[in-house]
Amino acid sequence: SYFEITYVQKGQGNYFVNGQEYMMEPGDIIIF
């Protein structure tokens, strides 16, 4: 029930949202 802003400092991963897949790397930002 809250907003989120996440900053990737290290490592890699895939985030899934709204039917999309985002490859996340250091320096990337993702918001929900």
All heavy atoms as atom14 arrays in JSON, in Angstrom:
{
  "sequence": "SYFEITYVQKGQGNYFVNGQEYMMEPGDIIIF",
  "atom14_mask": [
    [1, 1, 1, 1, 1, 1, 0, 0, 0, 0, 0, 0, 0, 0],
    [1, 1, 1, 1, 1, 1, 1, 1, 1, 1, 1, 1, 0, 0],
    [1, 1, 1, 1, 1, 1, 1, 1, 1, 1, 1, 0, 0, 0],
    [1, 1, 1, 1, 1, 1, 1, 1, 1, 0, 0, 0, 0, 0],
    [1, 1, 1, 1, 1, 1, 1, 1, 0, 0, 0, 0, 0, 0],
    [1, 1, 1, 1, 1, 1, 1, 0, 0, 0, 0, 0, 0, 0],
    [1, 1, 1, 1, 1, 1, 1, 1, 1, 1, 1, 1, 0, 0],
    [1, 1, 1, 1, 1, 1, 1, 0, 0, 0, 0, 0, 0, 0],
    [1, 1, 1, 1, 1, 1, 1, 1, 1, 0, 0, 0, 0, 0],
    [1, 1, 1, 1, 1, 1, 1, 1, 1, 0, 0, 0, 0, 0],
    [1, 1, 1, 1, 0, 0, 0, 0, 0, 0, 0, 0, 0, 0],
    [1, 1, 1, 1, 1, 1, 1, 1, 1, 0, 0, 0, 0, 0],
    [1, 1, 1, 1, 0, 0, 0, 0, 0, 0, 0, 0, 0, 0],
    [1, 1, 1, 1, 1, 1, 1, 1, 0, 0, 0, 0, 0, 0],
    [1, 1, 1, 1, 1, 1, 1, 1, 1, 1, 1, 1, 0, 0],
    [1, 1, 1, 1, 1, 1, 1, 1, 1, 1, 1, 0, 0, 0],
    [1, 1, 1, 1, 1, 1, 1, 0, 0, 0, 0, 0, 0, 0],
    [1, 1, 1, 1, 1, 1, 1, 1, 0, 0, 0, 0, 0, 0],
    [1, 1, 1, 1, 0, 0, 0, 0, 0, 0, 0, 0, 0, 0],
    [1, 1, 1, 1, 1, 1, 1, 1, 1, 0, 0, 0, 0, 0],
    [1, 1, 1, 1, 1, 1, 1, 1, 1, 0, 0, 0, 0, 0],
    [1, 1, 1, 1, 1, 1, 1, 1, 1, 1, 1, 1, 0, 0],
    [1, 1, 1, 1, 1, 1, 1, 1, 0, 0, 0, 0, 0, 0],
    [1, 1, 1, 1, 1, 1, 1, 1, 0, 0, 0, 0, 0, 0],
    [1, 1, 1, 1, 1, 1, 1, 1, 1, 0, 0, 0, 0, 0],
    [1, 1, 1, 1, 1, 1, 1, 0, 0, 0, 0, 0, 0, 0],
    [1, 1, 1, 1, 0, 0, 0, 0, 0, 0, 0, 0, 0, 0],
    [1, 1, 1, 1, 1, 1, 1, 1, 0, 0, 0, 0, 0, 0],
    [1, 1, 1, 1, 1, 1, 1, 1, 0, 0, 0, 0, 0, 0],
    [1, 1, 1, 1, 1, 1, 1, 1, 0, 0, 0, 0, 0, 0],
    [1, 1, 1, 1, 1, 1, 1, 1, 0, 0, 0, 0, 0, 0],
    [1, 1, 1, 1, 1, 1, 1, 1, 1, 1, 1, 0, 0, 0]
  ],
  "atom14_positions": [
    [[0.81, -1.22, 0.0], [0.0, 0.0, 0.0], [0.84, 1.27, 0.0], [0.32, 2.35, 0.22], [-0.93, 0.0, 1.23], [-0.16, -0.05, 2.42], [0.0, 0.0, 0.0], [0.0, 0.0, 0.0], [0.0, 0.0, 0.0], [0.0, 0.0, 0.0], [0.0, 0.0, 0.0], [0.0, 0.0, 0.0], [0.0, 0.0, 0.0], [0.0, 0.0, 0.0]],
    [[2.13, 1.14, -0.23], [3.02, 2.3, -0.26], [3.78, 2.32, -1.59], [3.74, 1.37, -2.36], [4.0, 2.25, 0.91], [4.58, 0.88, 1.17], [5.65, 0.39, 0.4], [4.05, 0.06, 2.16], [6.17, -0.87, 0.62], [4.58, -1.21, 2.38], [5.63, -1.66, 1.61], [6.14, -2.91, 1.82], [0.0, 0.0, 0.0], [0.0, 0.0, 0.0]],
    [[4.47, 3.43, -1.85], [5.28, 3.57, -3.05], [6.7, 3.09, -2.77], [7.17, 3.15, -1.63], [5.31, 5.03, -3.51], [3.95, 5.59, -3.86], [3.64, 6.91, -3.6], [2.99, 4.79, -4.46], [2.4, 7.43, -3.92], [1.76, 5.29, -4.79], [1.45, 6.62, -4.52], [0.0, 0.0, 0.0], [0.0, 0.0, 0.0], [0.0, 0.0, 0.0]],
    [[7.37, 2.66, -3.81], [8.73, 2.13, -3.64], [9.65, 2.65, -4.74], [9.28, 2.67, -5.91], [8.72, 0.6, -3.68], [10.11, -0.04, -3.62], [10.07, -1.56, -3.71], [9.04, -2.16, -3.36], [11.08, -2.14, -4.16], [0.0, 0.0, 0.0], [0.0, 0.0, 0.0], [0.0, 0.0, 0.0], [0.0, 0.0, 0.0], [0.0, 0.0, 0.0]],
    [[10.84, 3.08, -4.35], [11.91, 3.43, -5.28], [13.14, 2.65, -4.83], [13.61, 2.82, -3.71], [12.21, 4.93, -5.29], [10.96, 5.74, -5.67], [13.34, 5.24, -6.28], [11.16, 7.25, -5.66], [0.0, 0.0, 0.0], [0.0, 0.0, 0.0], [0.0, 0.0, 0.0], [0.0, 0.0, 0.0], [0.0, 0.0, 0.0], [0.0, 0.0, 0.0]],
    [[13.66, 1.79, -5.7], [14.78, 0.93, -5.35], [15.97, 1.21, -6.26], [15.82, 1.31, -7.47], [14.38, -0.56, -5.45], [13.49, -0.87, -4.37], [15.59, -1.47, -5.36], [0.0, 0.0, 0.0], [0.0, 0.0, 0.0], [0.0, 0.0, 0.0], [0.0, 0.0, 0.0], [0.0, 0.0, 0.0], [0.0, 0.0, 0.0], [0.0, 0.0, 0.0]],
    [[17.13, 1.3, -5.66], [18.39, 1.58, -6.35], [19.29, 0.34, -6.24], [19.59, -0.11, -5.13], [19.02, 2.83, -5.73], [20.49, 3.06, -5.96], [21.14, 2.67, -7.13], [21.25, 3.73, -4.99], [22.48, 2.91, -7.33], [22.61, 3.99, -5.18], [23.22, 3.55, -6.34], [24.55, 3.79, -6.54], [0.0, 0.0, 0.0], [0.0, 0.0, 0.0]],
    [[19.69, -0.22, -7.37], [20.55, -1.4, -7.38], [22.0, -0.94, -7.23], [22.54, -0.27, -8.1], [20.39, -2.2, -8.69], [21.32, -3.42, -8.67], [18.95, -2.65, -8.87], [0.0, 0.0, 0.0], [0.0, 0.0, 0.0], [0.0, 0.0, 0.0], [0.0, 0.0, 0.0], [0.0, 0.0, 0.0], [0.0, 0.0, 0.0], [0.0, 0.0, 0.0]],
    [[22.63, -1.33, -6.13], [24.01, -0.94, -5.88], [25.0, -1.99, -6.4], [26.09, -1.67, -6.84], [24.24, -0.74, -4.38], [23.43, 0.4, -3.78], [23.72, 0.55, -2.3], [23.45, -0.34, -1.5], [24.29, 1.68, -1.93], [0.0, 0.0, 0.0], [0.0, 0.0, 0.0], [0.0, 0.0, 0.0], [0.0, 0.0, 0.0], [0.0, 0.0, 0.0]],
    [[24.58, -3.26, -6.31], [25.48, -4.35, -6.68], [24.67, -5.55, -7.14], [23.58, -5.8, -6.63], [26.35, -4.74, -5.48], [27.29, -5.91, -5.71], [28.0, -6.3, -4.41], [28.86, -7.54, -4.61], [29.48, -7.98, -3.34], [0.0, 0.0, 0.0], [0.0, 0.0, 0.0], [0.0, 0.0, 0.0], [0.0, 0.0, 0.0], [0.0, 0.0, 0.0]],
    [[25.21, -6.31, -8.09], [24.58, -7.55, -8.52], [23.61, -7.36, -9.67], [23.36, -6.24, -10.13], [0.0, 0.0, 0.0], [0.0, 0.0, 0.0], [0.0, 0.0, 0.0], [0.0, 0.0, 0.0], [0.0, 0.0, 0.0], [0.0, 0.0, 0.0], [0.0, 0.0, 0.0], [0.0, 0.0, 0.0], [0.0, 0.0, 0.0], [0.0, 0.0, 0.0]],
    [[23.05, -8.47, -10.12], [22.11, -8.48, -11.24], [20.9, -9.33, -10.9], [20.99, -10.3, -10.16], [22.78, -9.05, -12.5], [23.92, -8.22, -13.06], [24.51, -8.86, -14.3], [24.66, -10.09, -14.36], [24.85, -8.05, -15.29], [0.0, 0.0, 0.0], [0.0, 0.0, 0.0], [0.0, 0.0, 0.0], [0.0, 0.0, 0.0], [0.0, 0.0, 0.0]],
    [[19.77, -8.96, -11.48], [18.55, -9.74, -11.28], [17.48, -9.3, -12.24], [17.58, -8.23, -12.86], [0.0, 0.0, 0.0], [0.0, 0.0, 0.0], [0.0, 0.0, 0.0], [0.0, 0.0, 0.0], [0.0, 0.0, 0.0], [0.0, 0.0, 0.0], [0.0, 0.0, 0.0], [0.0, 0.0, 0.0], [0.0, 0.0, 0.0], [0.0, 0.0, 0.0]],
    [[16.46, -10.11, -12.38], [15.31, -9.78, -13.21], [14.14, -9.39, -12.33], [13.81, -10.11, -11.37], [14.92, -10.97, -14.09], [15.93, -11.25, -15.18], [16.67, -10.35, -15.59], [16.0, -12.48, -15.65], [0.0, 0.0, 0.0], [0.0, 0.0, 0.0], [0.0, 0.0, 0.0], [0.0, 0.0, 0.0], [0.0, 0.0, 0.0], [0.0, 0.0, 0.0]],
    [[13.51, -8.27, -12.65], [12.3, -7.85, -11.97], [11.12, -8.01, -12.92], [11.24, -7.73, -14.12], [12.4, -6.39, -11.51], [12.99, -6.23, -10.13], [14.35, -6.4, -9.92], [12.2, -5.92, -9.04], [14.91, -6.26, -8.66], [12.74, -5.78, -7.77], [14.09, -5.95, -7.59], [14.63, -5.81, -6.33], [0.0, 0.0, 0.0], [0.0, 0.0, 0.0]],
    [[9.98, -8.46, -12.39], [8.79, -8.71, -13.19], [7.66, -7.82, -12.69], [7.33, -7.84, -11.5], [8.38, -10.17, -13.1], [9.5, -11.14, -13.41], [10.32, -11.62, -12.4], [9.72, -11.57, -14.71], [11.36, -12.5, -12.68], [10.76, -12.45, -15.0], [11.57, -12.92, -13.99], [0.0, 0.0, 0.0], [0.0, 0.0, 0.0], [0.0, 0.0, 0.0]],
    [[7.07, -7.03, -13.59], [5.96, -6.17, -13.22], [5.17, -5.82, -14.48], [5.75, -5.59, -15.54], [6.46, -4.89, -12.5], [7.41, -4.09, -13.37], [5.29, -4.02, -12.06], [0.0, 0.0, 0.0], [0.0, 0.0, 0.0], [0.0, 0.0, 0.0], [0.0, 0.0, 0.0], [0.0, 0.0, 0.0], [0.0, 0.0, 0.0], [0.0, 0.0, 0.0]],
    [[3.86, -5.81, -14.35], [2.96, -5.44, -15.46], [3.24, -6.24, -16.74], [3.17, -5.72, -17.85], [3.08, -3.94, -15.77], [2.48, -3.09, -14.66], [1.5, -3.47, -14.03], [3.08, -1.93, -14.42], [0.0, 0.0, 0.0], [0.0, 0.0, 0.0], [0.0, 0.0, 0.0], [0.0, 0.0, 0.0], [0.0, 0.0, 0.0], [0.0, 0.0, 0.0]],
    [[3.56, -7.51, -16.57], [3.8, -8.34, -17.72], [5.15, -8.11, -18.39], [5.45, -8.69, -19.43], [0.0, 0.0, 0.0], [0.0, 0.0, 0.0], [0.0, 0.0, 0.0], [0.0, 0.0, 0.0], [0.0, 0.0, 0.0], [0.0, 0.0, 0.0], [0.0, 0.0, 0.0], [0.0, 0.0, 0.0], [0.0, 0.0, 0.0], [0.0, 0.0, 0.0]],
    [[5.98, -7.26, -17.8], [7.3, -6.95, -18.35], [8.39, -7.56, -17.48], [8.22, -7.72, -16.27], [7.51, -5.43, -18.42], [6.54, -4.7, -19.32], [6.77, -4.99, -20.78], [7.91, -5.1, -21.23], [5.69, -5.12, -21.55], [0.0, 0.0, 0.0], [0.0, 0.0, 0.0], [0.0, 0.0, 0.0], [0.0, 0.0, 0.0], [0.0, 0.0, 0.0]],
    [[9.5, -7.87, -18.11], [10.67, -8.37, -17.39], [11.82, -7.39, -17.59], [12.16, -7.05, -18.73], [11.07, -9.75, -17.9], [12.3, -10.34, -17.22], [12.61, -11.75, -17.7], [11.74, -12.37, -18.34], [13.74, -12.21, -17.45], [0.0, 0.0, 0.0], [0.0, 0.0, 0.0], [0.0, 0.0, 0.0], [0.0, 0.0, 0.0], [0.0, 0.0, 0.0]],
    [[12.37, -6.89, -16.5], [13.45, -5.9, -16.57], [14.74, -6.49, -16.0], [14.77, -6.96, -14.86], [13.09, -4.64, -15.78], [11.88, -3.91, -16.3], [10.66, -3.94, -15.61], [11.94, -3.18, -17.48], [9.55, -3.26, -16.07], [10.83, -2.49, -17.96], [9.64, -2.54, -17.25], [8.54, -1.88, -17.72], [0.0, 0.0, 0.0], [0.0, 0.0, 0.0]],
    [[15.77, -6.47, -16.81], [17.1, -6.89, -16.34], [17.71, -5.72, -15.57], [17.91, -4.64, -16.11], [17.97, -7.25, -17.55], [19.41, -7.51, -17.21], [19.64, -8.97, -16.21], [21.44, -9.02, -16.11], [0.0, 0.0, 0.0], [0.0, 0.0, 0.0], [0.0, 0.0, 0.0], [0.0, 0.0, 0.0], [0.0, 0.0, 0.0], [0.0, 0.0, 0.0]],
    [[17.98, -5.93, -14.28], [18.48, -4.87, -13.43], [19.96, -5.07, -13.13], [20.4, -6.17, -12.77], [17.69, -4.85, -12.11], [16.19, -4.66, -12.29], [15.75, -3.06, -12.99], [16.34, -1.96, -11.69], [0.0, 0.0, 0.0], [0.0, 0.0, 0.0], [0.0, 0.0, 0.0], [0.0, 0.0, 0.0], [0.0, 0.0, 0.0], [0.0, 0.0, 0.0]],
    [[20.73, -3.99, -13.28], [22.17, -4.01, -13.05], [22.56, -2.85, -12.14], [21.74, -1.95, -11.89], [22.9, -3.92, -14.38], [22.64, -5.08, -15.31], [23.4, -4.96, -16.62], [23.35, -3.88, -17.24], [24.05, -5.94, -17.01], [0.0, 0.0, 0.0], [0.0, 0.0, 0.0], [0.0, 0.0, 0.0], [0.0, 0.0, 0.0], [0.0, 0.0, 0.0]],
    [[23.79, -2.83, -11.63], [24.21, -1.74, -10.76], [23.98, -0.37, -11.4], [24.3, -0.15, -12.57], [25.71, -2.01, -10.56], [25.82, -3.49, -10.68], [24.84, -3.87, -11.75], [0.0, 0.0, 0.0], [0.0, 0.0, 0.0], [0.0, 0.0, 0.0], [0.0, 0.0, 0.0], [0.0, 0.0, 0.0], [0.0, 0.0, 0.0], [0.0, 0.0, 0.0]],
    [[23.41, 0.54, -10.61], [23.11, 1.88, -11.1], [21.69, 2.04, -11.59], [21.22, 3.18, -11.77], [0.0, 0.0, 0.0], [0.0, 0.0, 0.0], [0.0, 0.0, 0.0], [0.0, 0.0, 0.0], [0.0, 0.0, 0.0], [0.0, 0.0, 0.0], [0.0, 0.0, 0.0], [0.0, 0.0, 0.0], [0.0, 0.0, 0.0], [0.0, 0.0, 0.0]],
    [[20.96, 0.95, -11.81], [19.58, 1.03, -12.27], [18.66, 1.38, -11.11], [18.92, 1.06, -9.95], [19.13, -0.3, -12.88], [19.81, -0.61, -14.2], [20.46, 0.3, -14.76], [19.69, -1.76, -14.68], [0.0, 0.0, 0.0], [0.0, 0.0, 0.0], [0.0, 0.0, 0.0], [0.0, 0.0, 0.0], [0.0, 0.0, 0.0], [0.0, 0.0, 0.0]],
    [[17.54, 2.01, -11.47], [16.5, 2.37, -10.51], [15.21, 1.68, -10.97], [14.94, 1.6, -12.16], [16.25, 3.89, -10.47], [17.56, 4.67, -10.28], [15.22, 4.25, -9.41], [18.18, 4.52, -8.93], [0.0, 0.0, 0.0], [0.0, 0.0, 0.0], [0.0, 0.0, 0.0], [0.0, 0.0, 0.0], [0.0, 0.0, 0.0], [0.0, 0.0, 0.0]],
    [[14.41, 1.2, -10.02], [13.1, 0.68, -10.38], [12.07, 1.24, -9.41], [12.35, 1.37, -8.2], [13.07, -0.86, -10.41], [11.81, -1.36, -11.1], [13.25, -1.46, -9.02], [11.89, -2.78, -11.62], [0.0, 0.0, 0.0], [0.0, 0.0, 0.0], [0.0, 0.0, 0.0], [0.0, 0.0, 0.0], [0.0, 0.0, 0.0], [0.0, 0.0, 0.0]],
    [[10.9, 1.63, -9.94], [9.87, 2.22, -9.07], [8.56, 1.47, -9.23], [8.25, 0.96, -10.31], [9.68, 3.74, -9.35], [8.96, 3.97, -10.68], [11.01, 4.47, -9.34], [8.61, 5.43, -10.91], [0.0, 0.0, 0.0], [0.0, 0.0, 0.0], [0.0, 0.0, 0.0], [0.0, 0.0, 0.0], [0.0, 0.0, 0.0], [0.0, 0.0, 0.0]],
    [[7.81, 1.38, -8.12], [6.51, 0.72, -8.11], [5.52, 1.6, -7.37], [5.86, 2.21, -6.35], [6.58, -0.64, -7.38], [7.64, -1.56, -7.91], [8.78, -1.83, -7.17], [7.51, -2.15, -9.15], [9.76, -2.69, -7.64], [8.48, -3.02, -9.64], [9.61, -3.28, -8.89], [0.0, 0.0, 0.0], [0.0, 0.0, 0.0], [0.0, 0.0, 0.0]]
  ]
}
